[in-house]
N, C-alpha and C. Protein backbone atom coordinates (compact mmCIF):
# COMPACT_ATOMS: atom_id res chain seq x y z
N MET A 1 -0.56 -25.52 -45.78
CA MET A 1 -0.82 -26.51 -44.89
C MET A 1 0.93 -26.94 -44.60
N LYS A 2 1.46 -25.87 -45.51
CA LYS A 2 2.90 -26.58 -45.15
C LYS A 2 3.53 -26.33 -43.75
N GLU A 3 3.37 -25.64 -43.24
CA GLU A 3 3.97 -24.97 -42.23
C GLU A 3 3.30 -26.20 -40.68
N PHE A 4 2.73 -27.09 -41.13
CA PHE A 4 2.66 -28.31 -40.43
C PHE A 4 3.28 -29.26 -40.43
N ASN A 5 3.70 -29.42 -41.69
CA ASN A 5 4.99 -30.43 -41.91
C ASN A 5 4.40 -31.85 -41.61
N LEU A 6 2.80 -32.29 -41.67
CA LEU A 6 2.14 -33.50 -40.94
C LEU A 6 2.85 -34.45 -41.67
N LYS A 7 2.63 -35.81 -40.79
CA LYS A 7 3.38 -36.72 -41.11
C LYS A 7 2.13 -37.63 -41.05
N THR A 8 1.93 -38.96 -41.92
CA THR A 8 0.63 -39.74 -41.05
C THR A 8 1.16 -40.63 -39.61
N ALA A 9 2.44 -40.82 -39.75
CA ALA A 9 3.40 -41.75 -38.32
C ALA A 9 2.61 -40.33 -37.39
N ASP A 10 3.44 -39.50 -37.57
CA ASP A 10 3.39 -38.84 -36.40
C ASP A 10 2.25 -38.70 -35.80
N ILE A 11 1.08 -38.59 -36.95
CA ILE A 11 -0.79 -38.09 -36.04
C ILE A 11 -0.79 -39.71 -35.76
N GLU A 12 -1.01 -40.82 -36.32
CA GLU A 12 -1.06 -42.14 -35.55
C GLU A 12 -0.45 -42.27 -34.47
N LYS A 13 0.53 -41.88 -33.98
CA LYS A 13 1.36 -41.77 -33.08
C LYS A 13 1.01 -40.95 -31.84
N LEU A 14 0.11 -39.68 -32.00
CA LEU A 14 -0.31 -39.08 -31.19
C LEU A 14 -1.75 -39.41 -30.19
N PHE A 15 -2.24 -40.09 -31.44
CA PHE A 15 -3.67 -40.15 -31.28
C PHE A 15 -3.86 -41.60 -30.23
N ARG A 16 -2.85 -42.49 -30.62
CA ARG A 16 -2.53 -43.72 -29.82
C ARG A 16 -2.55 -43.52 -28.91
N GLU A 17 -1.41 -42.46 -28.65
CA GLU A 17 -1.14 -42.47 -27.30
C GLU A 17 -1.95 -41.56 -26.78
N ARG A 18 -2.89 -40.74 -26.88
CA ARG A 18 -4.23 -39.79 -26.25
C ARG A 18 -4.92 -40.34 -25.66
N THR A 19 -5.13 -40.46 -24.29
CA THR A 19 -7.19 -41.10 -23.69
C THR A 19 -7.78 -40.01 -23.93
N PRO A 20 -8.50 -40.75 -24.87
CA PRO A 20 -9.67 -39.91 -25.01
C PRO A 20 -10.69 -38.82 -24.30
N LYS A 21 -10.98 -38.04 -24.12
CA LYS A 21 -11.85 -37.65 -22.89
C LYS A 21 -13.06 -37.02 -24.00
N VAL A 22 -13.61 -36.19 -23.42
CA VAL A 22 -15.48 -36.29 -23.62
C VAL A 22 -15.67 -34.86 -24.31
N ILE A 23 -15.75 -34.62 -25.55
CA ILE A 23 -15.73 -32.68 -25.69
C ILE A 23 -16.92 -31.51 -25.02
N GLY A 24 -15.71 -30.72 -24.63
CA GLY A 24 -16.32 -29.90 -24.48
C GLY A 24 -17.03 -29.61 -22.66
N MET A 25 -16.08 -30.75 -22.21
CA MET A 25 -16.17 -31.10 -20.67
C MET A 25 -15.10 -29.79 -20.32
N LYS A 26 -15.50 -28.98 -19.16
CA LYS A 26 -14.70 -28.30 -18.92
C LYS A 26 -14.04 -28.70 -18.00
N LYS A 27 -14.51 -29.40 -16.31
CA LYS A 27 -13.65 -30.00 -15.39
C LYS A 27 -14.87 -31.36 -15.29
N SER A 28 -14.08 -31.73 -14.51
CA SER A 28 -14.24 -33.67 -13.95
C SER A 28 -13.81 -33.55 -12.43
N PHE A 29 -15.25 -33.94 -12.05
CA PHE A 29 -15.61 -34.21 -10.79
C PHE A 29 -15.77 -35.68 -10.56
N SER A 30 -15.31 -36.66 -9.43
CA SER A 30 -15.48 -37.79 -8.88
C SER A 30 -15.82 -37.83 -7.23
N VAL A 31 -17.19 -39.05 -7.00
CA VAL A 31 -17.61 -39.26 -6.06
C VAL A 31 -17.66 -40.71 -5.70
N LEU A 32 -17.33 -40.98 -4.09
CA LEU A 32 -17.84 -42.24 -4.25
C LEU A 32 -18.73 -42.33 -3.29
N VAL A 33 -19.87 -43.40 -3.86
CA VAL A 33 -21.29 -43.91 -3.58
C VAL A 33 -20.56 -44.61 -1.82
N PRO A 34 -20.53 -44.10 -0.67
CA PRO A 34 -20.25 -45.49 0.28
C PRO A 34 -21.39 -46.35 0.82
N LEU A 35 -21.50 -47.21 0.76
CA LEU A 35 -22.03 -48.60 1.38
C LEU A 35 -21.74 -48.92 2.98
N VAL A 36 -22.82 -49.05 4.07
CA VAL A 36 -22.43 -48.68 5.27
C VAL A 36 -23.30 -49.76 5.73
N GLU A 37 -23.04 -50.65 6.42
CA GLU A 37 -24.01 -52.17 7.21
C GLU A 37 -23.89 -51.68 8.27
N LYS A 38 -25.55 -51.30 9.20
CA LYS A 38 -25.53 -51.05 10.22
C LYS A 38 -26.49 -51.93 10.71
N ASP A 39 -26.31 -52.35 11.98
CA ASP A 39 -27.76 -53.16 12.88
C ASP A 39 -28.07 -54.44 11.82
N GLY A 40 -27.08 -55.18 10.72
CA GLY A 40 -27.39 -55.83 9.71
C GLY A 40 -27.93 -55.65 8.24
N ARG A 41 -28.44 -54.09 8.25
CA ARG A 41 -28.82 -53.72 6.57
C ARG A 41 -28.12 -53.31 6.11
N PRO A 42 -27.95 -52.72 5.03
CA PRO A 42 -27.23 -50.96 3.71
C PRO A 42 -28.29 -50.42 3.88
N HIS A 43 -27.24 -49.29 4.03
CA HIS A 43 -27.38 -48.77 3.77
C HIS A 43 -26.67 -47.04 3.09
N LEU A 44 -26.68 -46.13 2.60
CA LEU A 44 -26.12 -45.03 2.52
C LEU A 44 -26.07 -43.69 2.99
N LEU A 45 -24.76 -43.35 2.48
CA LEU A 45 -23.83 -42.74 3.61
C LEU A 45 -23.36 -41.03 2.53
N TYR A 46 -24.36 -40.10 3.50
CA TYR A 46 -24.38 -39.09 2.64
C TYR A 46 -24.17 -38.15 3.62
N GLU A 47 -23.92 -36.84 2.72
CA GLU A 47 -23.39 -35.60 3.64
C GLU A 47 -23.84 -34.45 3.28
N VAL A 48 -23.76 -33.82 4.81
CA VAL A 48 -24.98 -31.94 4.23
C VAL A 48 -23.60 -30.94 3.74
N ARG A 49 -23.94 -30.74 2.81
CA ARG A 49 -22.27 -29.70 3.07
C ARG A 49 -22.67 -28.00 4.10
N ALA A 50 -21.24 -28.18 4.05
CA ALA A 50 -21.14 -27.36 5.06
C ALA A 50 -21.86 -25.73 4.29
N LYS A 51 -22.63 -25.08 5.63
CA LYS A 51 -23.21 -23.76 5.05
C LYS A 51 -22.73 -22.40 4.76
N ASN A 52 -21.14 -22.43 4.83
CA ASN A 52 -20.54 -21.20 4.05
C ASN A 52 -19.92 -21.47 3.04
N LEU A 53 -20.22 -22.59 2.79
CA LEU A 53 -19.47 -23.29 1.23
C LEU A 53 -19.81 -22.38 0.01
N ASP A 54 -19.05 -21.85 -1.21
CA ASP A 54 -19.48 -20.95 -2.04
C ASP A 54 -20.45 -20.90 -2.60
N ARG A 55 -20.54 -22.69 -3.36
CA ARG A 55 -20.99 -24.26 -4.23
C ARG A 55 -22.16 -24.54 -3.69
N GLN A 56 -23.01 -24.01 -3.69
CA GLN A 56 -23.68 -25.14 -3.09
C GLN A 56 -24.46 -25.83 -1.30
N PRO A 57 -24.35 -24.73 -0.88
CA PRO A 57 -23.81 -24.92 0.86
C PRO A 57 -25.45 -25.30 0.89
N GLY A 58 -25.07 -26.23 2.34
CA GLY A 58 -26.31 -26.87 3.23
C GLY A 58 -26.93 -27.75 2.22
N GLU A 59 -26.21 -28.46 0.70
CA GLU A 59 -27.18 -29.43 -0.27
C GLU A 59 -26.33 -30.86 0.75
N VAL A 60 -27.23 -31.32 0.11
CA VAL A 60 -27.19 -32.96 0.28
C VAL A 60 -25.85 -33.82 -0.58
N CYS A 61 -25.34 -34.49 -0.76
CA CYS A 61 -23.94 -34.97 -2.07
C CYS A 61 -23.76 -36.05 -1.22
N PHE A 62 -23.19 -36.58 -1.55
CA PHE A 62 -22.05 -38.14 -1.60
C PHE A 62 -20.85 -36.89 -1.65
N PRO A 63 -19.56 -37.92 -0.41
CA PRO A 63 -18.03 -37.29 -0.72
C PRO A 63 -17.27 -37.46 -1.97
N GLY A 64 -16.90 -36.60 -2.76
CA GLY A 64 -15.91 -36.14 -3.61
C GLY A 64 -15.70 -35.36 -3.82
N GLY A 65 -15.08 -34.81 -5.10
CA GLY A 65 -14.42 -33.21 -5.74
C GLY A 65 -14.18 -33.46 -7.08
N GLU A 66 -13.44 -31.98 -7.08
CA GLU A 66 -13.08 -31.96 -8.50
C GLU A 66 -11.53 -32.82 -8.53
N ILE A 67 -11.67 -33.36 -9.55
CA ILE A 67 -10.20 -34.14 -9.87
C ILE A 67 -8.98 -33.51 -10.55
N GLU A 68 -8.07 -33.68 -9.56
CA GLU A 68 -6.72 -32.91 -9.58
C GLU A 68 -6.12 -33.19 -10.71
N GLU A 69 -5.20 -31.90 -11.44
CA GLU A 69 -4.51 -32.85 -12.21
C GLU A 69 -3.58 -33.66 -12.12
N GLY A 70 -2.60 -34.75 -13.58
CA GLY A 70 -2.30 -35.86 -12.55
C GLY A 70 -3.18 -37.13 -11.70
N GLU A 71 -4.69 -36.48 -11.30
CA GLU A 71 -5.01 -37.57 -10.59
C GLU A 71 -5.77 -38.96 -11.82
N THR A 72 -6.22 -40.24 -10.70
CA THR A 72 -7.51 -40.72 -11.94
C THR A 72 -8.82 -40.63 -11.13
N PRO A 73 -10.37 -40.32 -11.84
CA PRO A 73 -11.34 -40.07 -11.05
C PRO A 73 -11.25 -41.11 -9.82
N LEU A 74 -11.02 -42.16 -9.53
CA LEU A 74 -11.38 -43.39 -8.42
C LEU A 74 -10.12 -42.38 -7.69
N GLN A 75 -9.25 -42.17 -7.55
CA GLN A 75 -7.74 -41.32 -6.80
C GLN A 75 -7.88 -40.68 -6.36
N ALA A 76 -9.57 -39.45 -6.77
CA ALA A 76 -10.17 -37.96 -6.49
C ALA A 76 -10.75 -38.90 -5.60
N ALA A 77 -11.59 -39.52 -6.01
CA ALA A 77 -12.72 -40.08 -5.68
C ALA A 77 -12.55 -40.30 -4.09
N VAL A 78 -11.63 -41.31 -3.72
CA VAL A 78 -10.56 -42.20 -2.40
C VAL A 78 -10.41 -40.71 -1.44
N ARG A 79 -9.14 -40.15 -2.09
CA ARG A 79 -8.87 -38.66 -1.59
C ARG A 79 -9.94 -38.07 -1.00
N GLU A 80 -10.92 -37.32 -1.78
CA GLU A 80 -12.39 -36.54 -1.24
C GLU A 80 -12.54 -37.05 -0.18
N THR A 81 -13.16 -38.55 -0.20
CA THR A 81 -13.68 -38.76 0.89
C THR A 81 -12.75 -39.28 2.07
N VAL A 82 -11.81 -39.42 2.08
CA VAL A 82 -10.73 -39.49 3.02
C VAL A 82 -10.69 -38.17 4.00
N GLU A 83 -10.73 -37.49 2.70
CA GLU A 83 -10.56 -35.96 3.37
C GLU A 83 -11.82 -34.74 3.95
N GLU A 84 -12.82 -35.33 3.56
CA GLU A 84 -14.04 -34.67 4.27
C GLU A 84 -14.67 -35.34 5.05
N LEU A 85 -14.18 -36.71 5.27
CA LEU A 85 -15.23 -37.94 6.65
C LEU A 85 -13.92 -38.10 7.45
N GLY A 86 -12.94 -36.88 7.55
CA GLY A 86 -12.16 -38.45 8.18
C GLY A 86 -11.40 -39.25 8.72
N ILE A 87 -11.41 -39.93 7.61
CA ILE A 87 -11.10 -41.26 8.04
C ILE A 87 -10.11 -41.57 7.11
N SER A 88 -9.27 -43.27 7.40
CA SER A 88 -7.93 -43.52 6.64
C SER A 88 -8.05 -44.10 5.47
N GLU A 89 -6.87 -44.06 4.28
CA GLU A 89 -7.61 -44.60 2.88
C GLU A 89 -8.03 -45.97 3.21
N ASP A 90 -7.42 -46.86 4.45
CA ASP A 90 -7.56 -48.15 4.70
C ASP A 90 -9.22 -48.33 4.96
N GLU A 91 -10.13 -47.63 5.26
CA GLU A 91 -11.03 -47.49 5.78
C GLU A 91 -12.32 -47.52 4.98
N THR A 92 -11.06 -47.20 3.37
CA THR A 92 -12.61 -46.87 2.48
C THR A 92 -11.72 -48.23 1.38
N GLU A 93 -13.03 -48.72 1.37
CA GLU A 93 -12.95 -49.64 -0.14
C GLU A 93 -13.57 -49.95 -0.87
N VAL A 94 -13.24 -49.75 -1.85
CA VAL A 94 -13.98 -49.03 -3.08
C VAL A 94 -14.72 -50.53 -3.98
N ILE A 95 -15.97 -50.93 -4.25
CA ILE A 95 -16.04 -51.94 -5.34
C ILE A 95 -16.17 -51.60 -6.38
N CYS A 96 -15.99 -50.50 -7.01
CA CYS A 96 -16.00 -51.05 -8.41
C CYS A 96 -16.80 -49.35 -9.22
N GLU A 97 -16.51 -49.18 -10.37
CA GLU A 97 -17.04 -47.86 -11.33
C GLU A 97 -18.62 -48.21 -11.42
N LEU A 98 -19.31 -46.74 -10.96
CA LEU A 98 -20.35 -46.94 -11.87
C LEU A 98 -20.83 -46.08 -13.01
N ASP A 99 -22.22 -45.72 -13.20
CA ASP A 99 -22.10 -44.93 -14.22
C ASP A 99 -21.58 -43.99 -14.52
N ALA A 100 -21.31 -43.28 -15.15
CA ALA A 100 -20.52 -41.49 -15.17
C ALA A 100 -21.66 -40.69 -15.89
N ILE A 101 -22.18 -38.84 -14.72
CA ILE A 101 -23.03 -38.04 -15.78
C ILE A 101 -21.71 -37.23 -16.65
N HIS A 102 -22.69 -37.14 -17.93
CA HIS A 102 -22.01 -35.76 -18.44
C HIS A 102 -22.73 -34.78 -18.58
N ASN A 103 -22.53 -33.68 -17.52
CA ASN A 103 -23.42 -32.55 -17.79
C ASN A 103 -23.38 -31.48 -18.13
N TYR A 104 -24.71 -31.21 -19.06
CA TYR A 104 -25.28 -30.28 -19.98
C TYR A 104 -24.56 -29.17 -19.78
N THR A 105 -23.61 -28.59 -18.53
CA THR A 105 -23.55 -27.50 -17.64
C THR A 105 -21.85 -28.05 -17.99
N ASN A 106 -21.71 -28.52 -18.98
CA ASN A 106 -19.84 -28.79 -18.79
C ASN A 106 -18.74 -29.10 -17.68
N PHE A 107 -19.35 -30.32 -17.24
CA PHE A 107 -18.32 -30.91 -16.73
C PHE A 107 -19.12 -32.79 -16.54
N SER A 108 -17.81 -33.26 -16.44
CA SER A 108 -18.85 -34.60 -16.26
C SER A 108 -18.77 -35.30 -14.35
N MET A 109 -19.29 -36.40 -14.04
CA MET A 109 -19.12 -36.60 -12.74
C MET A 109 -18.80 -38.32 -12.66
N TYR A 110 -17.80 -38.71 -12.31
CA TYR A 110 -18.13 -40.48 -11.92
C TYR A 110 -17.60 -39.98 -10.68
N CYS A 111 -18.66 -41.71 -10.58
CA CYS A 111 -19.15 -42.18 -9.81
C CYS A 111 -18.59 -43.63 -9.16
N PHE A 112 -18.15 -43.74 -8.32
CA PHE A 112 -17.69 -45.45 -7.26
C PHE A 112 -18.48 -45.51 -6.56
N LEU A 113 -18.65 -46.84 -6.46
CA LEU A 113 -19.68 -47.64 -5.90
C LEU A 113 -18.46 -48.36 -4.10
N GLY A 114 -18.50 -47.80 -2.65
CA GLY A 114 -18.01 -48.51 -2.28
C GLY A 114 -18.28 -48.87 -0.60
N ARG A 115 -17.05 -49.22 0.18
CA ARG A 115 -17.78 -48.95 1.96
C ARG A 115 -17.31 -49.29 2.65
N ILE A 116 -17.65 -48.80 3.19
CA ILE A 116 -17.20 -48.26 4.64
C ILE A 116 -17.65 -48.54 6.11
N ALA A 117 -16.81 -49.34 6.87
CA ALA A 117 -17.44 -49.61 8.24
C ALA A 117 -18.38 -48.59 9.05
N TYR A 118 -19.41 -49.18 9.45
CA TYR A 118 -20.39 -48.79 11.13
C TYR A 118 -19.19 -47.72 11.80
N GLU A 119 -18.55 -48.63 12.52
CA GLU A 119 -17.40 -48.50 13.18
C GLU A 119 -16.73 -46.63 12.42
N SER A 120 -16.11 -46.82 11.25
CA SER A 120 -15.37 -46.10 11.13
C SER A 120 -16.29 -44.63 10.25
N VAL A 121 -17.53 -45.25 10.12
CA VAL A 121 -18.48 -43.69 10.19
C VAL A 121 -19.07 -42.98 11.36
N LYS A 122 -18.65 -43.65 12.75
CA LYS A 122 -19.26 -43.46 13.82
C LYS A 122 -18.06 -42.60 14.46
N ASN A 123 -16.45 -42.95 13.96
CA ASN A 123 -15.68 -42.40 14.89
C ASN A 123 -15.17 -41.45 13.67
N ALA A 124 -15.80 -41.37 12.36
CA ALA A 124 -15.68 -39.95 11.52
C ALA A 124 -15.07 -38.73 12.23
N LYS A 125 -14.22 -38.08 12.03
CA LYS A 125 -14.69 -36.75 12.04
C LYS A 125 -13.98 -36.18 10.81
N PRO A 126 -15.12 -35.48 10.67
CA PRO A 126 -15.43 -34.78 9.41
C PRO A 126 -15.10 -33.67 9.32
N ASN A 127 -14.41 -32.77 7.98
CA ASN A 127 -13.65 -31.68 7.97
C ASN A 127 -14.78 -30.83 8.33
N ALA A 128 -14.81 -29.66 9.14
CA ALA A 128 -16.35 -28.89 9.14
C ALA A 128 -16.38 -28.01 7.76
N ALA A 129 -15.06 -27.55 7.22
CA ALA A 129 -14.92 -26.66 6.61
C ALA A 129 -15.81 -26.98 5.01
N GLU A 130 -15.98 -28.07 5.01
CA GLU A 130 -16.44 -28.25 3.95
C GLU A 130 -18.39 -29.97 3.96
N VAL A 131 -18.16 -29.94 6.07
CA VAL A 131 -19.23 -30.72 5.33
C VAL A 131 -19.95 -30.39 6.86
N GLU A 132 -21.57 -30.55 7.21
CA GLU A 132 -22.14 -30.01 8.25
C GLU A 132 -22.57 -30.75 8.64
N GLU A 133 -22.84 -32.45 8.57
CA GLU A 133 -22.93 -33.32 8.95
C GLU A 133 -23.00 -34.80 7.61
N LEU A 134 -23.02 -36.06 8.68
CA LEU A 134 -23.22 -36.81 8.02
C LEU A 134 -24.67 -37.73 8.34
N PHE A 135 -25.39 -38.16 7.60
CA PHE A 135 -26.97 -39.83 7.83
C PHE A 135 -26.71 -40.58 6.92
N LEU A 136 -27.46 -41.45 6.99
CA LEU A 136 -27.72 -42.26 6.61
C LEU A 136 -29.31 -42.87 6.78
N VAL A 137 -28.91 -43.52 5.36
CA VAL A 137 -30.35 -44.04 4.27
C VAL A 137 -30.33 -45.04 4.52
N PRO A 138 -31.19 -45.80 4.74
CA PRO A 138 -31.11 -47.78 4.81
C PRO A 138 -31.54 -47.77 3.53
N LEU A 139 -31.06 -48.41 2.79
CA LEU A 139 -31.04 -49.06 0.94
C LEU A 139 -32.44 -49.15 1.23
N GLU A 140 -33.39 -50.28 1.60
CA GLU A 140 -34.23 -50.56 1.64
C GLU A 140 -35.25 -49.80 1.57
N GLU A 141 -35.46 -48.80 2.09
CA GLU A 141 -36.43 -48.20 2.18
C GLU A 141 -36.66 -46.33 0.94
N ILE A 142 -35.23 -46.35 1.05
CA ILE A 142 -35.18 -45.51 -0.26
C ILE A 142 -35.10 -46.49 -1.41
N LEU A 143 -35.21 -47.76 -1.44
CA LEU A 143 -35.77 -48.67 -2.58
C LEU A 143 -37.43 -48.56 -2.87
N GLU A 144 -37.75 -48.13 -1.75
CA GLU A 144 -39.38 -48.42 -1.65
C GLU A 144 -39.69 -47.01 -1.96
N ALA A 145 -38.76 -45.85 -1.77
CA ALA A 145 -39.67 -44.40 -2.10
C ALA A 145 -39.70 -44.20 -4.07
N GLU A 146 -40.81 -43.80 -4.07
CA GLU A 146 -40.69 -43.17 -5.25
C GLU A 146 -41.02 -41.64 -5.13
N PRO A 147 -39.61 -41.38 -5.86
CA PRO A 147 -39.11 -39.99 -6.35
C PRO A 147 -40.38 -39.43 -6.71
N TYR A 148 -40.41 -37.69 -7.10
CA TYR A 148 -40.59 -37.00 -7.39
C TYR A 148 -39.45 -36.18 -8.43
N ILE A 149 -40.14 -36.38 -9.98
CA ILE A 149 -39.47 -36.44 -10.72
C ILE A 149 -40.14 -34.83 -11.42
N TYR A 150 -39.11 -33.52 -11.44
CA TYR A 150 -39.12 -32.47 -12.41
C TYR A 150 -38.50 -32.72 -13.61
N LYS A 151 -38.74 -32.16 -14.71
CA LYS A 151 -38.33 -32.24 -15.81
C LYS A 151 -38.31 -30.59 -16.77
N LEU A 152 -36.62 -30.84 -16.06
CA LEU A 152 -36.09 -28.89 -16.25
C LEU A 152 -35.56 -29.71 -17.83
N SER A 153 -36.59 -27.80 -18.45
CA SER A 153 -36.30 -27.64 -19.97
C SER A 153 -34.86 -27.06 -20.16
N LEU A 154 -34.18 -28.06 -20.80
CA LEU A 154 -32.66 -26.83 -21.49
C LEU A 154 -33.25 -26.24 -22.94
N VAL A 155 -33.59 -25.09 -23.23
CA VAL A 155 -33.59 -24.37 -24.86
C VAL A 155 -32.97 -23.44 -25.26
N PRO A 156 -31.97 -23.64 -25.94
CA PRO A 156 -31.09 -22.81 -26.29
C PRO A 156 -31.11 -21.22 -26.33
N LYS A 157 -30.52 -20.66 -26.44
CA LYS A 157 -31.17 -19.56 -26.64
C LYS A 157 -29.65 -19.03 -27.85
N THR A 158 -30.71 -18.49 -29.26
CA THR A 158 -30.01 -18.31 -29.91
C THR A 158 -30.28 -17.28 -31.19
N ASP A 159 -30.34 -16.37 -29.77
CA ASP A 159 -30.83 -15.06 -31.00
C ASP A 159 -29.76 -14.12 -31.90
N ASP A 160 -29.30 -14.54 -31.47
CA ASP A 160 -27.51 -13.57 -31.64
C ASP A 160 -26.65 -14.50 -32.93
N PHE A 161 -27.54 -15.52 -32.58
CA PHE A 161 -26.73 -17.07 -33.84
C PHE A 161 -26.96 -16.54 -35.04
N PRO A 162 -25.27 -16.54 -35.99
CA PRO A 162 -25.34 -16.26 -37.21
C PRO A 162 -25.70 -17.25 -38.55
N ASN A 163 -26.95 -16.90 -38.14
CA ASN A 163 -27.74 -18.23 -39.10
C ASN A 163 -27.13 -17.72 -41.07
N ASP A 164 -27.32 -16.77 -41.58
CA ASP A 164 -26.89 -16.33 -42.70
C ASP A 164 -25.80 -17.64 -42.76
N ILE A 165 -24.89 -17.24 -42.05
CA ILE A 165 -23.15 -17.47 -42.10
C ILE A 165 -23.58 -19.92 -42.39
N ILE A 166 -24.89 -20.21 -42.25
CA ILE A 166 -24.57 -21.69 -42.06
C ILE A 166 -25.55 -21.73 -42.95
N GLY A 167 -26.18 -20.79 -43.72
CA GLY A 167 -27.34 -20.91 -45.03
C GLY A 167 -29.26 -21.47 -44.84
N PHE A 168 -29.21 -21.16 -43.36
CA PHE A 168 -30.19 -20.51 -42.49
C PHE A 168 -30.89 -19.48 -42.33
N PRO A 169 -30.89 -18.47 -43.21
CA PRO A 169 -31.48 -17.13 -42.90
C PRO A 169 -32.98 -16.98 -41.96
N ASP A 170 -33.62 -17.80 -42.48
CA ASP A 170 -34.75 -17.64 -41.12
C ASP A 170 -34.75 -18.81 -40.37
N GLY A 171 -33.47 -19.11 -39.57
CA GLY A 171 -33.51 -19.65 -38.29
C GLY A 171 -33.16 -21.14 -38.41
N TYR A 172 -32.68 -21.93 -37.64
CA TYR A 172 -31.99 -23.15 -37.51
C TYR A 172 -32.89 -23.73 -36.56
N PRO A 173 -33.51 -25.04 -36.72
CA PRO A 173 -34.45 -26.03 -36.01
C PRO A 173 -33.86 -26.13 -35.09
N TRP A 174 -32.95 -25.98 -33.89
CA TRP A 174 -32.13 -26.18 -32.81
C TRP A 174 -33.43 -27.22 -31.84
N ARG A 175 -32.85 -28.40 -31.29
CA ARG A 175 -33.47 -29.26 -30.48
C ARG A 175 -33.43 -28.50 -29.06
N LYS A 176 -34.14 -28.85 -28.84
CA LYS A 176 -34.92 -28.74 -27.29
C LYS A 176 -34.68 -29.56 -26.37
N GLY A 177 -34.17 -29.73 -24.91
CA GLY A 177 -34.15 -31.11 -24.41
C GLY A 177 -35.22 -30.86 -23.03
N THR A 178 -34.55 -32.06 -22.35
CA THR A 178 -35.23 -32.22 -21.17
C THR A 178 -34.10 -33.15 -20.20
N SER A 179 -34.24 -32.76 -19.09
CA SER A 179 -33.35 -32.81 -17.81
C SER A 179 -33.69 -33.17 -16.16
N ASP A 180 -33.98 -34.70 -15.85
CA ASP A 180 -34.67 -35.03 -14.89
C ASP A 180 -33.98 -34.64 -13.82
N VAL A 181 -34.45 -34.23 -12.60
CA VAL A 181 -33.93 -33.53 -11.28
C VAL A 181 -35.24 -34.57 -10.47
N PRO A 182 -34.73 -35.89 -10.18
CA PRO A 182 -35.35 -36.42 -9.15
C PRO A 182 -34.82 -35.99 -8.26
N ILE A 183 -36.58 -36.01 -6.86
CA ILE A 183 -36.03 -35.20 -5.57
C ILE A 183 -36.69 -36.58 -4.49
N TYR A 184 -36.04 -36.96 -4.11
CA TYR A 184 -36.09 -37.87 -2.84
C TYR A 184 -36.68 -37.04 -1.45
N ARG A 185 -38.29 -37.28 -0.87
CA ARG A 185 -38.14 -36.90 0.58
C ARG A 185 -39.10 -37.79 1.67
N GLY A 186 -39.05 -37.60 2.61
CA GLY A 186 -38.76 -38.52 4.00
C GLY A 186 -38.12 -39.39 4.87
N PHE A 187 -36.48 -38.32 4.02
CA PHE A 187 -35.73 -38.97 4.97
C PHE A 187 -35.15 -37.97 6.10
N GLU A 188 -33.96 -38.10 6.31
CA GLU A 188 -33.51 -37.39 7.60
C GLU A 188 -33.14 -35.49 6.47
N HIS A 189 -33.06 -35.47 5.31
CA HIS A 189 -32.56 -34.36 4.53
C HIS A 189 -33.33 -34.85 3.01
N VAL A 190 -33.72 -33.95 1.81
CA VAL A 190 -34.71 -34.13 0.57
C VAL A 190 -32.67 -34.64 -0.09
N ILE A 191 -32.87 -35.41 -0.84
CA ILE A 191 -32.35 -35.62 -1.68
C ILE A 191 -32.16 -35.50 -3.21
N TRP A 192 -31.48 -34.21 -3.74
CA TRP A 192 -32.04 -33.95 -5.53
C TRP A 192 -30.95 -33.59 -5.70
N GLY A 193 -31.48 -33.34 -6.96
CA GLY A 193 -30.54 -33.04 -7.72
C GLY A 193 -29.67 -34.37 -8.61
N LEU A 194 -28.08 -33.77 -8.59
CA LEU A 194 -26.99 -34.31 -9.67
C LEU A 194 -27.21 -35.74 -8.35
N THR A 195 -27.32 -35.52 -7.06
CA THR A 195 -27.44 -36.77 -6.18
C THR A 195 -28.37 -37.34 -5.76
N GLY A 196 -29.27 -36.92 -6.36
CA GLY A 196 -30.46 -37.44 -6.69
C GLY A 196 -30.85 -38.11 -7.79
N ARG A 197 -29.85 -38.08 -9.34
CA ARG A 197 -29.72 -38.86 -10.31
C ARG A 197 -28.55 -40.12 -10.08
N ILE A 198 -27.79 -39.71 -9.44
CA ILE A 198 -27.02 -41.20 -8.89
C ILE A 198 -27.79 -41.89 -7.90
N THR A 199 -28.54 -41.21 -7.41
CA THR A 199 -29.13 -42.54 -6.51
C THR A 199 -29.76 -43.04 -7.42
N ARG A 200 -30.84 -42.54 -7.97
CA ARG A 200 -31.94 -43.00 -8.88
C ARG A 200 -30.97 -44.47 -10.04
N ASN A 201 -30.07 -43.97 -10.52
CA ASN A 201 -29.10 -44.69 -10.91
C ASN A 201 -29.04 -45.95 -10.62
N PHE A 202 -27.93 -45.97 -9.42
CA PHE A 202 -27.91 -46.93 -8.56
C PHE A 202 -29.20 -47.80 -8.18
N LEU A 203 -30.45 -47.52 -8.00
CA LEU A 203 -31.32 -48.09 -7.63
C LEU A 203 -31.87 -48.84 -8.05
N GLU A 204 -31.76 -47.76 -9.43
CA GLU A 204 -32.51 -48.89 -10.78
C GLU A 204 -32.15 -50.41 -11.14
N ILE A 205 -29.92 -49.83 -10.69
CA ILE A 205 -29.76 -51.47 -11.39
C ILE A 205 -29.94 -52.07 -10.31
N ILE A 206 -30.44 -52.03 -8.96
CA ILE A 206 -30.65 -53.00 -7.90
C ILE A 206 -32.28 -53.32 -8.54
N LYS A 207 -33.07 -52.83 -8.99
CA LYS A 207 -34.00 -53.44 -8.75
C LYS A 207 -34.47 -53.70 -10.15
N GLN A 208 -33.89 -53.89 -11.57
CA GLN A 208 -33.83 -54.38 -12.70
C GLN A 208 -33.01 -55.63 -12.24
N SER A 209 -32.27 -55.88 -11.66
CA SER A 209 -31.41 -56.96 -11.54
C SER A 209 -32.73 -58.18 -10.65
N ARG A 210 -33.16 -57.29 -9.71
CA ARG A 210 -33.92 -57.93 -8.99
C ARG A 210 -35.28 -58.79 -9.78
N SER A 211 -35.86 -58.01 -11.10
CA SER A 211 -36.66 -58.57 -11.54
C SER A 211 -36.47 -59.38 -13.05
N LYS A 212 -35.17 -60.17 -12.58
CA LYS A 212 -34.33 -60.40 -13.75
C LYS A 212 -35.30 -62.31 -13.31
């Protein structure tokens, strides 16, 4: 250990100045959940991803994307929203940060609640390379909807794990898991997957506040 020449003061300085991360997360993304008031009623704004995209073509999502180096999650959410919707940053108001998702496929998804005027949405010029179309869902209607929940099984594949090395020659009792996949039907497009999870979490917060 002599080659490290470790000093307690140096270790303390390193970790005091470091920003904590989630272990194992290889990429980070950020999305905006836009509220849009139309005809006096709040709506949620969704995108349909362009069909020529390499990743998740044609799927429904919120505006957002990968966080670039040197960017905060908030900055990424606003930048991606402006780029994808073809609106100005002044037309995007961030209300607060929502709950994040740390996914089993080794990425983090940061979420922010925002507000965009209906006029801005009407006059938006979505980036055709990324966005097929935009659509609005009345908040009251999706609050009343009950999503279909698919339980996705997460089973570790450990056939070649070196059980002898860790002292379990007969095999280690790995834990299995599940991940909920909410599917909202009955709207202009089906809302599901991560977007469905973000939507359900947002709606549950509202429902819980109304039940108190």
